[in-house]
Amino acid sequence: MTTQEGLKLVERDETGVDTAFRADVLEGLSHEQKAIPARWLYDDAGSQLFEDITQLPEYYPTRAETQILSDQADDFAEMIGPGRAVVEFGSGSSVKTPLLLSAIDPAAYVPLDISGDFLRASAAELSAKFPGLPVHPVEADFMRKVELPGEVADMPKLGFFPGSTIGNMIARTAVDLLRNMRETLGLGARLLIGMDLIKDEDVLVAAYDDAAGVTAEFNYNLVRRINRELDGNILLDALVHEARWNDEFARVEMHLVAQRDFNFSVCDKAFSMNAGETIHTENSHKFNRRTSNMLLLAAGWEPQARWLDTEGRFSVMLAEVKPPRSAP
């Protein structure tokens, strides 16, 4: 077994509360449009619910991206090459990772995730599939620069960010994240990133509002987490899940919509919601070639290649860190 127990880089107070989680929730609930960053959907229960979502018939991104990773293995091997440390941002269950690792013969694998127990279980499972591969899990908020384990410090790096998670962020936050990835990985690093594509509105909304209600439970789990970890008393039965397409920003939005007026508290701070008011819990931006290229370039990543699934629903892009320059 080459898996380490993993580094823990999440800051918690003396009661065990994630301080960043508390700060984001209290700030987000104080805004006129209540909003909580989507990364807090992914505690252990939320991570498992998302894995369930990826198996739903309405949720096409996982199948489309998996097809790309399977079909383009030879391209990845040629363009990326062997001997890199693969650093996966928000690794989750790492179900797509074996496809990439099998293709490129890496020197090490470093999964980063904020959900520690889920991270370590997935890292152990992957290590069993690749017994000769050093695996170094790191429990961290990858929205910031992460100090990687010393064992991979001198290795060339490949960042891996599948699943179109980049689409969960508004443009400013997405650029900040990609810049932090650049700082984490260093000059000469490469990044393999998934980006979902603009398509028919009905297809997009159904992927975030499935008939079985699994995505709704994923959204409700955030409220359960707030109530459990932050001493909240948000009335879950007063909220209903809603997915909507916002064409102006090319994104699907997830909201929790108040069905009646009610008051609640979190960390002894009082809040209220009126009927029709929402907590905005997730964005999922969709891209085309121009917008995906511009996003990467704005953060200092130079696009190298782009692959689509056979139905043109999803894209995987390869980019490289280049030294900054101020002229063409």
C-alpha atoms as a PDB file:
ATOM      1  CA  MET A   1       0.000   0.000   0.000  1.00  0.00           C
ATOM      2  CA  THR A   2       1.460   3.322  -1.104  1.00  0.00           C
ATOM      3  CA  THR A   3      -1.387   5.549   0.032  1.00  0.00           C
ATOM      4  CA  GLN A   4      -0.543   7.991   2.818  1.00  0.00           C
ATOM      5  CA  GLU A   5      -3.070   9.000   5.478  1.00  0.00           C
ATOM      6  CA  GLY A   6      -2.995  12.408   3.831  1.00  0.00           C
ATOM      7  CA  LEU A   7      -2.288  16.003   4.765  1.00  0.00           C
ATOM      8  CA  LYS A   8      -5.029  18.087   6.394  1.00  0.00           C
ATOM      9  CA  LEU A   9      -5.047  21.724   5.346  1.00  0.00           C
ATOM     10  CA  VAL A  10      -8.624  22.635   6.368  1.00  0.00           C
ATOM     11  CA  GLU A  11      -8.763  25.173   9.218  1.00  0.00           C
ATOM     12  CA  ARG A  12     -11.139  24.281  12.073  1.00  0.00           C
ATOM     13  CA  ASP A  13     -11.877  26.026  15.354  1.00  0.00           C
ATOM     14  CA  GLU A  14     -11.764  24.455  18.806  1.00  0.00           C
ATOM     15  CA  THR A  15     -15.233  22.916  18.302  1.00  0.00           C
ATOM     16  CA  GLY A  16     -14.248  21.281  15.015  1.00  0.00           C
ATOM     17  CA  VAL A  17     -16.188  23.679  12.766  1.00  0.00           C
ATOM     18  CA  ASP A  18     -14.656  24.509   9.381  1.00  0.00           C
ATOM     19  CA  THR A  19     -14.054  28.244   9.793  1.00  0.00           C
ATOM     20  CA  ALA A  20     -14.302  28.984   6.063  1.00  0.00           C
ATOM     21  CA  PHE A  21     -17.657  27.155   5.887  1.00  0.00           C
ATOM     22  CA  ARG A  22     -19.038  29.224   8.753  1.00  0.00           C
ATOM     23  CA  ALA A  23     -17.778  32.503   7.282  1.00  0.00           C
ATOM     24  CA  ASP A  24     -19.204  31.784   3.825  1.00  0.00           C
ATOM     25  CA  VAL A  25     -22.605  30.732   5.171  1.00  0.00           C
ATOM     26  CA  LEU A  26     -23.006  33.709   7.495  1.00  0.00           C
ATOM     27  CA  GLU A  27     -21.922  36.160   4.816  1.00  0.00           C
ATOM     28  CA  GLY A  28     -24.025  34.530   2.111  1.00  0.00           C
ATOM     29  CA  LEU A  29     -27.211  34.509   4.192  1.00  0.00           C
ATOM     30  CA  SER A  30     -26.708  38.215   4.961  1.00  0.00           C
ATOM     31  CA  HIS A  31     -26.969  39.290   1.317  1.00  0.00           C
ATOM     32  CA  GLU A  32     -30.203  40.517  -0.269  1.00  0.00           C
ATOM     33  CA  GLN A  33     -29.921  37.565  -2.665  1.00  0.00           C
ATOM     34  CA  LYS A  34     -28.910  34.821  -0.279  1.00  0.00           C
ATOM     35  CA  ALA A  35     -26.168  32.663  -1.774  1.00  0.00           C
ATOM     36  CA  ILE A  36     -23.745  30.005  -0.536  1.00  0.00           C
ATOM     37  CA  PRO A  37     -20.707  28.823  -2.543  1.00  0.00           C
ATOM     38  CA  ALA A  38     -21.373  25.486  -4.243  1.00  0.00           C
ATOM     39  CA  ARG A  39     -18.291  23.810  -2.782  1.00  0.00           C
ATOM     40  CA  TRP A  40     -20.108  23.502   0.563  1.00  0.00           C
ATOM     41  CA  LEU A  41     -22.571  21.079  -1.012  1.00  0.00           C
ATOM     42  CA  TYR A  42     -19.801  18.472  -0.816  1.00  0.00           C
ATOM     43  CA  ASP A  43     -19.577  17.083   2.681  1.00  0.00           C
ATOM     44  CA  ASP A  44     -19.401  13.283   2.854  1.00  0.00           C
ATOM     45  CA  ALA A  45     -23.161  12.907   2.375  1.00  0.00           C
ATOM     46  CA  GLY A  46     -23.198  15.493  -0.418  1.00  0.00           C
ATOM     47  CA  SER A  47     -20.264  13.838  -2.162  1.00  0.00           C
ATOM     48  CA  GLN A  48     -22.092  10.507  -2.134  1.00  0.00           C
ATOM     49  CA  LEU A  49     -25.289  12.122  -3.419  1.00  0.00           C
ATOM     50  CA  PHE A  50     -23.335  13.699  -6.262  1.00  0.00           C
ATOM     51  CA  GLU A  51     -21.901  10.312  -7.179  1.00  0.00           C
ATOM     52  CA  ASP A  52     -25.505   9.072  -7.324  1.00  0.00           C
ATOM     53  CA  ILE A  53     -26.395  12.008  -9.579  1.00  0.00           C
ATOM     54  CA  THR A  54     -23.683  11.044 -12.062  1.00  0.00           C
ATOM     55  CA  GLN A  55     -25.480   7.725 -12.623  1.00  0.00           C
ATOM     56  CA  LEU A  56     -28.854   9.293 -13.471  1.00  0.00           C
ATOM     57  CA  PRO A  57     -30.168   9.119 -17.048  1.00  0.00           C
ATOM     58  CA  GLU A  58     -30.634  12.910 -17.175  1.00  0.00           C
ATOM     59  CA  TYR A  59     -27.077  13.662 -16.113  1.00  0.00           C
ATOM     60  CA  TYR A  60     -25.104  13.379 -19.349  1.00  0.00           C
ATOM     61  CA  PRO A  61     -21.788  15.133 -18.386  1.00  0.00           C
ATOM     62  CA  THR A  62     -20.211  12.139 -16.640  1.00  0.00           C
ATOM     63  CA  ARG A  63     -20.966   9.748 -19.503  1.00  0.00           C
ATOM     64  CA  ALA A  64     -19.788  12.251 -22.111  1.00  0.00           C
ATOM     65  CA  GLU A  65     -16.535  13.043 -20.310  1.00  0.00           C
ATOM     66  CA  THR A  66     -15.839   9.376 -19.584  1.00  0.00           C
ATOM     67  CA  GLN A  67     -16.210   8.657 -23.296  1.00  0.00           C
ATOM     68  CA  ILE A  68     -13.645  11.346 -24.117  1.00  0.00           C
ATOM     69  CA  LEU A  69     -11.171  10.037 -21.535  1.00  0.00           C
ATOM     70  CA  SER A  70     -11.591   6.500 -22.909  1.00  0.00           C
ATOM     71  CA  ASP A  71     -11.483   7.342 -26.604  1.00  0.00           C
ATOM     72  CA  GLN A  72      -8.596   9.824 -26.496  1.00  0.00           C
ATOM     73  CA  ALA A  73      -6.148   7.819 -24.380  1.00  0.00           C
ATOM     74  CA  ASP A  74      -3.580   7.698 -27.190  1.00  0.00           C
ATOM     75  CA  ASP A  75      -3.736  11.478 -27.621  1.00  0.00           C
ATOM     76  CA  PHE A  76      -3.252  12.013 -23.897  1.00  0.00           C
ATOM     77  CA  ALA A  77      -0.269   9.664 -23.839  1.00  0.00           C
ATOM     78  CA  GLU A  78       1.356  11.490 -26.751  1.00  0.00           C
ATOM     79  CA  MET A  79       0.668  15.063 -25.644  1.00  0.00           C
ATOM     80  CA  ILE A  80       1.175  14.682 -21.865  1.00  0.00           C
ATOM     81  CA  GLY A  81       3.747  11.910 -21.674  1.00  0.00           C
ATOM     82  CA  PRO A  82       4.848   9.761 -18.716  1.00  0.00           C
ATOM     83  CA  GLY A  83       6.452  10.682 -15.398  1.00  0.00           C
ATOM     84  CA  ARG A  84       4.191  13.492 -14.206  1.00  0.00           C
ATOM     85  CA  ALA A  85       2.591  13.878 -10.798  1.00  0.00           C
ATOM     86  CA  VAL A  86      -1.149  14.027 -11.447  1.00  0.00           C
ATOM     87  CA  VAL A  87      -2.799  16.504  -9.060  1.00  0.00           C
ATOM     88  CA  GLU A  88      -6.580  16.124  -9.103  1.00  0.00           C
ATOM     89  CA  PHE A  89      -8.558  19.094  -7.797  1.00  0.00           C
ATOM     90  CA  GLY A  90     -11.760  18.039  -6.052  1.00  0.00           C
ATOM     91  CA  SER A  91     -11.125  14.368  -6.647  1.00  0.00           C
ATOM     92  CA  GLY A  92     -14.364  13.019  -5.137  1.00  0.00           C
ATOM     93  CA  SER A  93     -14.579   9.292  -5.826  1.00  0.00           C
ATOM     94  CA  SER A  94     -11.902   9.499  -8.564  1.00  0.00           C
ATOM     95  CA  VAL A  95     -13.968   7.277 -10.874  1.00  0.00           C
ATOM     96  CA  LYS A  96     -12.605   8.893 -14.053  1.00  0.00           C
ATOM     97  CA  THR A  97      -9.043   9.017 -12.796  1.00  0.00           C
ATOM     98  CA  PRO A  98      -8.019   5.426 -13.681  1.00  0.00           C
ATOM     99  CA  LEU A  99      -8.710   6.181 -17.339  1.00  0.00           C
ATOM    100  CA  LEU A 100      -6.180   9.017 -17.286  1.00  0.00           C
ATOM    101  CA  LEU A 101      -3.611   7.227 -15.122  1.00  0.00           C
ATOM    102  CA  SER A 102      -3.695   4.170 -17.374  1.00  0.00           C
ATOM    103  CA  ALA A 103      -3.090   6.352 -20.415  1.00  0.00           C
ATOM    104  CA  ILE A 104      -0.140   8.474 -19.277  1.00  0.00           C
ATOM    105  CA  ASP A 105       1.954   6.344 -16.843  1.00  0.00           C
ATOM    106  CA  PRO A 106       2.328   8.967 -14.078  1.00  0.00           C
ATOM    107  CA  ALA A 107       5.006   9.112 -11.362  1.00  0.00           C
ATOM    108  CA  ALA A 108       2.546   9.927  -8.527  1.00  0.00           C
ATOM    109  CA  TYR A 109      -1.060  10.833  -7.840  1.00  0.00           C
ATOM    110  CA  VAL A 110      -2.149  13.629  -5.483  1.00  0.00           C
ATOM    111  CA  PRO A 111      -5.922  13.872  -4.932  1.00  0.00           C
ATOM    112  CA  LEU A 112      -7.118  17.112  -3.300  1.00  0.00           C
ATOM    113  CA  ASP A 113     -10.572  17.314  -1.740  1.00  0.00           C
ATOM    114  CA  ILE A 114     -12.303  19.167   1.064  1.00  0.00           C
ATOM    115  CA  SER A 115     -14.259  16.066   2.145  1.00  0.00           C
ATOM    116  CA  GLY A 116     -11.596  14.222   4.127  1.00  0.00           C
ATOM    117  CA  ASP A 117     -13.144  10.821   4.868  1.00  0.00           C
ATOM    118  CA  PHE A 118     -14.463  10.500   1.329  1.00  0.00           C
ATOM    119  CA  LEU A 119     -11.048  11.546  -0.007  1.00  0.00           C
ATOM    120  CA  ARG A 120      -9.093   8.968   1.966  1.00  0.00           C
ATOM    121  CA  ALA A 121     -11.480   6.116   1.142  1.00  0.00           C
ATOM    122  CA  SER A 122     -11.292   6.926  -2.569  1.00  0.00           C
ATOM    123  CA  ALA A 123      -7.489   7.281  -2.455  1.00  0.00           C
ATOM    124  CA  ALA A 124      -7.158   3.874  -0.820  1.00  0.00           C
ATOM    125  CA  GLU A 125      -9.395   2.296  -3.449  1.00  0.00           C
ATOM    126  CA  LEU A 126      -7.419   3.855  -6.289  1.00  0.00           C
ATOM    127  CA  SER A 127      -4.117   2.826  -4.709  1.00  0.00           C
ATOM    128  CA  ALA A 128      -5.324  -0.777  -4.730  1.00  0.00           C
ATOM    129  CA  LYS A 129      -5.952  -0.499  -8.484  1.00  0.00           C
ATOM    130  CA  PHE A 130      -2.453   0.940  -9.080  1.00  0.00           C
ATOM    131  CA  PRO A 131      -0.284  -0.791  -6.455  1.00  0.00           C
ATOM    132  CA  GLY A 132       3.003   0.620  -7.773  1.00  0.00           C
ATOM    133  CA  LEU A 133       1.815   4.233  -7.885  1.00  0.00           C
ATOM    134  CA  PRO A 134       2.584   6.562  -4.927  1.00  0.00           C
ATOM    135  CA  VAL A 135      -0.696   8.193  -3.803  1.00  0.00           C
ATOM    136  CA  HIS A 136      -0.606  11.265  -1.544  1.00  0.00           C
ATOM    137  CA  PRO A 137      -4.117  12.484  -0.570  1.00  0.00           C
ATOM    138  CA  VAL A 138      -4.404  16.061   0.689  1.00  0.00           C
ATOM    139  CA  GLU A 139      -7.497  17.328   2.534  1.00  0.00           C
ATOM    140  CA  ALA A 140      -7.638  20.962   1.461  1.00  0.00           C
ATOM    141  CA  ASP A 141      -9.750  23.766   0.063  1.00  0.00           C
ATOM    142  CA  PHE A 142      -8.321  23.834  -3.444  1.00  0.00           C
ATOM    143  CA  MET A 143      -9.882  27.252  -4.090  1.00  0.00           C
ATOM    144  CA  ARG A 144      -6.634  28.565  -2.626  1.00  0.00           C
ATOM    145  CA  LYS A 145      -3.018  27.769  -3.402  1.00  0.00           C
ATOM    146  CA  VAL A 146      -2.209  24.348  -1.918  1.00  0.00           C
ATOM    147  CA  GLU A 147       1.208  23.249  -0.682  1.00  0.00           C
ATOM    148  CA  LEU A 148       1.765  19.864  -2.293  1.00  0.00           C
ATOM    149  CA  PRO A 149       3.543  16.981  -0.516  1.00  0.00           C
ATOM    150  CA  GLY A 150       7.326  17.172  -0.613  1.00  0.00           C
ATOM    151  CA  GLU A 151       7.484  13.827  -2.404  1.00  0.00           C
ATOM    152  CA  VAL A 152       6.201  15.412  -5.624  1.00  0.00           C
ATOM    153  CA  ALA A 153       7.905  18.799  -5.325  1.00  0.00           C
ATOM    154  CA  ASP A 154      10.471  18.160  -8.075  1.00  0.00           C
ATOM    155  CA  MET A 155       8.188  16.243 -10.432  1.00  0.00           C
ATOM    156  CA  PRO A 156       6.562  17.841 -13.489  1.00  0.00           C
ATOM    157  CA  LYS A 157       2.860  18.324 -12.758  1.00  0.00           C
ATOM    158  CA  LEU A 158      -0.419  17.653 -14.528  1.00  0.00           C
ATOM    159  CA  GLY A 159      -3.487  19.210 -12.962  1.00  0.00           C
ATOM    160  CA  PHE A 160      -6.696  17.234 -13.493  1.00  0.00           C
ATOM    161  CA  PHE A 161     -10.022  19.021 -13.035  1.00  0.00           C
ATOM    162  CA  PRO A 162     -12.780  16.883 -14.566  1.00  0.00           C
ATOM    163  CA  GLY A 163     -16.526  17.202 -14.278  1.00  0.00           C
ATOM    164  CA  SER A 164     -17.021  20.834 -15.350  1.00  0.00           C
ATOM    165  CA  THR A 165     -16.660  21.995 -11.740  1.00  0.00           C
ATOM    166  CA  ILE A 166     -15.102  25.158 -13.154  1.00  0.00           C
ATOM    167  CA  GLY A 167     -18.621  26.003 -14.340  1.00  0.00           C
ATOM    168  CA  ASN A 168     -19.825  26.272 -10.737  1.00  0.00           C
ATOM    169  CA  MET A 169     -18.014  29.593 -10.363  1.00  0.00           C
ATOM    170  CA  ILE A 170     -18.713  33.072 -11.625  1.00  0.00           C
ATOM    171  CA  ALA A 171     -16.060  34.355 -14.020  1.00  0.00           C
ATOM    172  CA  ARG A 172     -14.010  36.227 -11.415  1.00  0.00           C
ATOM    173  CA  THR A 173     -13.907  33.250  -9.041  1.00  0.00           C
ATOM    174  CA  ALA A 174     -13.131  30.827 -11.870  1.00  0.00           C
ATOM    175  CA  VAL A 175     -10.164  32.938 -12.970  1.00  0.00           C
ATOM    176  CA  ASP A 176      -8.941  33.188  -9.372  1.00  0.00           C
ATOM    177  CA  LEU A 177      -9.166  29.401  -9.010  1.00  0.00           C
ATOM    178  CA  LEU A 178      -7.280  28.755 -12.236  1.00  0.00           C
ATOM    179  CA  ARG A 179      -4.586  31.215 -11.111  1.00  0.00           C
ATOM    180  CA  ASN A 180      -4.319  29.397  -7.780  1.00  0.00           C
ATOM    181  CA  MET A 181      -3.986  26.111  -9.661  1.00  0.00           C
ATOM    182  CA  ARG A 182      -1.181  27.673 -11.677  1.00  0.00           C
ATOM    183  CA  GLU A 183       0.546  28.707  -8.435  1.00  0.00           C
ATOM    184  CA  THR A 184       0.013  25.270  -6.893  1.00  0.00           C
ATOM    185  CA  LEU A 185       1.397  23.398  -9.904  1.00  0.00           C
ATOM    186  CA  GLY A 186       4.178  25.744 -11.027  1.00  0.00           C
ATOM    187  CA  LEU A 187       5.707  26.892 -14.308  1.00  0.00           C
ATOM    188  CA  GLY A 188       5.598  24.283 -17.072  1.00  0.00           C
ATOM    189  CA  ALA A 189       2.643  22.445 -15.551  1.00  0.00           C
ATOM    190  CA  ARG A 190      -0.263  21.298 -17.649  1.00  0.00           C
ATOM    191  CA  LEU A 191      -3.968  21.137 -16.881  1.00  0.00           C
ATOM    192  CA  LEU A 192      -6.593  18.738 -18.206  1.00  0.00           C
ATOM    193  CA  ILE A 193      -9.981  20.293 -17.517  1.00  0.00           C
ATOM    194  CA  GLY A 194     -13.600  19.436 -18.293  1.00  0.00           C
ATOM    195  CA  MET A 195     -16.045  22.108 -19.507  1.00  0.00           C
ATOM    196  CA  ASP A 196     -19.701  21.515 -20.285  1.00  0.00           C
ATOM    197  CA  LEU A 197     -21.112  23.043 -23.464  1.00  0.00           C
ATOM    198  CA  ILE A 198     -24.146  25.219 -24.243  1.00  0.00           C
ATOM    199  CA  LYS A 199     -27.051  23.143 -25.569  1.00  0.00           C
ATOM    200  CA  ASP A 200     -30.841  22.840 -25.524  1.00  0.00           C
ATOM    201  CA  GLU A 201     -32.374  24.395 -22.397  1.00  0.00           C
ATOM    202  CA  ASP A 202     -34.594  21.399 -21.623  1.00  0.00           C
ATOM    203  CA  VAL A 203     -31.602  19.049 -21.640  1.00  0.00           C
ATOM    204  CA  LEU A 204     -29.629  21.374 -19.379  1.00  0.00           C
ATOM    205  CA  VAL A 205     -32.370  21.933 -16.790  1.00  0.00           C
ATOM    206  CA  ALA A 206     -33.273  18.224 -16.617  1.00  0.00           C
ATOM    207  CA  ALA A 207     -29.666  17.404 -15.700  1.00  0.00           C
ATOM    208  CA  TYR A 208     -30.105  19.493 -12.518  1.00  0.00           C
ATOM    209  CA  ASP A 209     -33.721  18.580 -11.730  1.00  0.00           C
ATOM    210  CA  ASP A 210     -33.983  14.822 -12.277  1.00  0.00           C
ATOM    211  CA  ALA A 211     -37.255  12.931 -12.083  1.00  0.00           C
ATOM    212  CA  ALA A 212     -36.073  10.810  -9.143  1.00  0.00           C
ATOM    213  CA  GLY A 213     -35.339  13.872  -7.008  1.00  0.00           C
ATOM    214  CA  VAL A 214     -31.705  12.986  -6.260  1.00  0.00           C
ATOM    215  CA  THR A 215     -30.452  16.465  -7.182  1.00  0.00           C
ATOM    216  CA  ALA A 216     -33.095  17.979  -4.928  1.00  0.00           C
ATOM    217  CA  GLU A 217     -31.765  15.864  -2.036  1.00  0.00           C
ATOM    218  CA  PHE A 218     -28.253  17.034  -2.905  1.00  0.00           C
ATOM    219  CA  ASN A 219     -29.462  20.634  -2.565  1.00  0.00           C
ATOM    220  CA  TYR A 220     -31.420  19.950   0.656  1.00  0.00           C
ATOM    221  CA  ASN A 221     -28.335  18.297   2.158  1.00  0.00           C
ATOM    222  CA  LEU A 222     -26.672  21.722   2.334  1.00  0.00           C
ATOM    223  CA  VAL A 223     -29.418  22.855   4.722  1.00  0.00           C
ATOM    224  CA  ARG A 224     -29.014  19.714   6.791  1.00  0.00           C
ATOM    225  CA  ARG A 225     -25.276  20.374   6.970  1.00  0.00           C
ATOM    226  CA  ILE A 226     -25.766  23.986   8.074  1.00  0.00           C
ATOM    227  CA  ASN A 227     -28.245  22.924  10.755  1.00  0.00           C
ATOM    228  CA  ARG A 228     -25.932  20.160  11.992  1.00  0.00           C
ATOM    229  CA  GLU A 229     -22.537  21.854  11.872  1.00  0.00           C
ATOM    230  CA  LEU A 230     -23.457  25.494  12.487  1.00  0.00           C
ATOM    231  CA  ASP A 231     -26.268  25.080  15.015  1.00  0.00           C
ATOM    232  CA  GLY A 232     -28.850  26.207  12.480  1.00  0.00           C
ATOM    233  CA  ASN A 233     -32.608  25.762  12.516  1.00  0.00           C
ATOM    234  CA  ILE A 234     -33.486  26.444   8.881  1.00  0.00           C
ATOM    235  CA  LEU A 235     -36.929  24.996   8.102  1.00  0.00           C
ATOM    236  CA  LEU A 236     -36.214  22.434   5.422  1.00  0.00           C
ATOM    237  CA  ASP A 237     -39.916  21.757   4.827  1.00  0.00           C
ATOM    238  CA  ALA A 238     -40.347  25.452   3.921  1.00  0.00           C
ATOM    239  CA  LEU A 239     -37.893  25.198   0.998  1.00  0.00           C
ATOM    240  CA  VAL A 240     -38.189  23.577  -2.401  1.00  0.00           C
ATOM    241  CA  HIS A 241     -35.431  22.788  -4.926  1.00  0.00           C
ATOM    242  CA  GLU A 242     -35.533  24.610  -8.258  1.00  0.00           C
ATOM    243  CA  ALA A 243     -33.231  24.518 -11.309  1.00  0.00           C
ATOM    244  CA  ARG A 244     -33.478  27.336 -13.848  1.00  0.00           C
ATOM    245  CA  TRP A 245     -31.643  28.384 -17.021  1.00  0.00           C
ATOM    246  CA  ASN A 246     -30.192  31.916 -16.984  1.00  0.00           C
ATOM    247  CA  ASP A 247     -29.493  32.676 -20.633  1.00  0.00           C
ATOM    248  CA  GLU A 248     -27.835  36.034 -19.937  1.00  0.00           C
ATOM    249  CA  PHE A 249     -25.009  34.292 -18.083  1.00  0.00           C
ATOM    250  CA  ALA A 250     -25.198  30.943 -19.941  1.00  0.00           C
ATOM    251  CA  ARG A 251     -25.719  28.940 -16.775  1.00  0.00           C
ATOM    252  CA  VAL A 252     -28.064  26.604 -14.957  1.00  0.00           C
ATOM    253  CA  GLU A 253     -28.784  27.880 -11.442  1.00  0.00           C
ATOM    254  CA  MET A 254     -29.877  25.847  -8.422  1.00  0.00           C
ATOM    255  CA  HIS A 255     -32.001  27.583  -5.805  1.00  0.00           C
ATOM    256  CA  LEU A 256     -33.809  26.715  -2.598  1.00  0.00           C
ATOM    257  CA  VAL A 257     -37.092  28.635  -2.824  1.00  0.00           C
ATOM    258  CA  ALA A 258     -39.042  29.662   0.275  1.00  0.00           C
ATOM    259  CA  GLN A 259     -42.657  28.482   0.123  1.00  0.00           C
ATOM    260  CA  ARG A 260     -43.713  30.722   3.034  1.00  0.00           C
ATOM    261  CA  ASP A 261     -42.330  33.415   5.306  1.00  0.00           C
ATOM    262  CA  PHE A 262     -40.156  32.103   8.135  1.00  0.00           C
ATOM    263  CA  ASN A 263     -37.404  33.077  10.563  1.00  0.00           C
ATOM    264  CA  PHE A 264     -34.308  31.067  11.460  1.00  0.00           C
ATOM    265  CA  SER A 265     -30.871  31.357  13.023  1.00  0.00           C
ATOM    266  CA  VAL A 266     -27.370  30.079  12.253  1.00  0.00           C
ATOM    267  CA  CYS A 267     -24.557  30.369  14.823  1.00  0.00           C
ATOM    268  CA  ASP A 268     -26.961  32.444  16.980  1.00  0.00           C
ATOM    269  CA  LYS A 269     -27.359  34.998  14.191  1.00  0.00           C
ATOM    270  CA  ALA A 270     -30.943  35.767  13.142  1.00  0.00           C
ATOM    271  CA  PHE A 271     -32.180  35.603   9.548  1.00  0.00           C
ATOM    272  CA  SER A 272     -35.511  35.528   7.738  1.00  0.00           C
ATOM    273  CA  MET A 273     -36.921  34.562   4.357  1.00  0.00           C
ATOM    274  CA  ASN A 274     -40.078  35.691   2.637  1.00  0.00           C
ATOM    275  CA  ALA A 275     -42.183  33.501   0.388  1.00  0.00           C
ATOM    276  CA  GLY A 276     -40.569  33.391  -3.061  1.00  0.00           C
ATOM    277  CA  GLU A 277     -37.153  34.432  -1.789  1.00  0.00           C
ATOM    278  CA  THR A 278     -34.318  32.006  -2.590  1.00  0.00           C
ATOM    279  CA  ILE A 279     -30.957  30.763  -1.410  1.00  0.00           C
ATOM    280  CA  HIS A 280     -28.813  30.499  -4.538  1.00  0.00           C
ATOM    281  CA  THR A 281     -26.707  27.370  -4.023  1.00  0.00           C
ATOM    282  CA  GLU A 282     -25.047  26.555  -7.336  1.00  0.00           C
ATOM    283  CA  ASN A 283     -24.240  27.845 -10.796  1.00  0.00           C
ATOM    284  CA  SER A 284     -23.262  25.590 -13.658  1.00  0.00           C
ATOM    285  CA  HIS A 285     -21.921  27.754 -16.455  1.00  0.00           C
ATOM    286  CA  LYS A 286     -21.833  26.339 -19.976  1.00  0.00           C
ATOM    287  CA  PHE A 287     -19.162  27.231 -22.524  1.00  0.00           C
ATOM    288  CA  ASN A 288     -18.279  27.352 -26.208  1.00  0.00           C
ATOM    289  CA  ARG A 289     -14.811  27.319 -27.755  1.00  0.00           C
ATOM    290  CA  ARG A 290     -14.260  31.075 -27.459  1.00  0.00           C
ATOM    291  CA  THR A 291     -15.410  31.470 -23.860  1.00  0.00           C
ATOM    292  CA  SER A 292     -13.470  28.426 -22.641  1.00  0.00           C
ATOM    293  CA  ASN A 293     -10.286  29.653 -24.331  1.00  0.00           C
ATOM    294  CA  MET A 294     -10.739  33.151 -22.892  1.00  0.00           C
ATOM    295  CA  LEU A 295     -11.273  31.809 -19.375  1.00  0.00           C
ATOM    296  CA  LEU A 296      -8.047  29.799 -19.481  1.00  0.00           C
ATOM    297  CA  LEU A 297      -6.025  32.609 -21.034  1.00  0.00           C
ATOM    298  CA  ALA A 298      -7.250  35.108 -18.423  1.00  0.00           C
ATOM    299  CA  ALA A 299      -5.721  32.905 -15.723  1.00  0.00           C
ATOM    300  CA  GLY A 300      -2.359  32.337 -17.421  1.00  0.00           C
ATOM    301  CA  TRP A 301      -3.105  28.973 -19.056  1.00  0.00           C
ATOM    302  CA  GLU A 302      -2.460  28.600 -22.795  1.00  0.00           C
ATOM    303  CA  PRO A 303      -4.908  26.175 -24.485  1.00  0.00           C
ATOM    304  CA  GLN A 304      -3.146  23.315 -26.287  1.00  0.00           C
ATOM    305  CA  ALA A 305      -5.908  20.942 -27.403  1.00  0.00           C
ATOM    306  CA  ARG A 306      -9.668  20.326 -27.143  1.00  0.00           C
ATOM    307  CA  TRP A 307     -11.683  17.129 -27.435  1.00  0.00           C
ATOM    308  CA  LEU A 308     -15.478  16.581 -27.643  1.00  0.00           C
ATOM    309  CA  ASP A 309     -17.642  13.524 -27.089  1.00  0.00           C
ATOM    310  CA  THR A 310     -19.361  12.041 -30.142  1.00  0.00           C
ATOM    311  CA  GLU A 311     -22.576  14.018 -29.551  1.00  0.00           C
ATOM    312  CA  GLY A 312     -20.746  17.337 -29.007  1.00  0.00           C
ATOM    313  CA  ARG A 313     -22.163  17.800 -25.508  1.00  0.00           C
ATOM    314  CA  PHE A 314     -18.973  18.147 -23.468  1.00  0.00           C
ATOM    315  CA  SER A 315     -15.356  19.196 -23.891  1.00  0.00           C
ATOM    316  CA  VAL A 316     -12.030  18.285 -22.296  1.00  0.00           C
ATOM    317  CA  MET A 317      -9.213  20.794 -22.763  1.00  0.00           C
ATOM    318  CA  LEU A 318      -5.463  20.596 -22.269  1.00  0.00           C
ATOM    319  CA  ALA A 319      -3.642  23.793 -21.303  1.00  0.00           C
ATOM    320  CA  GLU A 320      -0.133  24.733 -20.189  1.00  0.00           C
ATOM    321  CA  VAL A 321       1.297  27.345 -17.836  1.00  0.00           C
ATOM    322  CA  LYS A 322       3.259  29.909 -19.802  1.00  0.00           C
ATOM    323  CA  PRO A 323       5.416  32.785 -18.483  1.00  0.00           C
ATOM    324  CA  PRO A 324       3.362  36.024 -18.396  1.00  0.00           C
ATOM    325  CA  ARG A 325       3.951  38.554 -21.113  1.00  0.00           C
ATOM    326  CA  SER A 326       2.525  42.011 -21.779  1.00  0.00           C
ATOM    327  CA  ALA A 327       2.804  42.089 -25.567  1.00  0.00           C
ATOM    328  CA  PRO A 328       1.632  39.842 -28.445  1.00  0.00           C
END
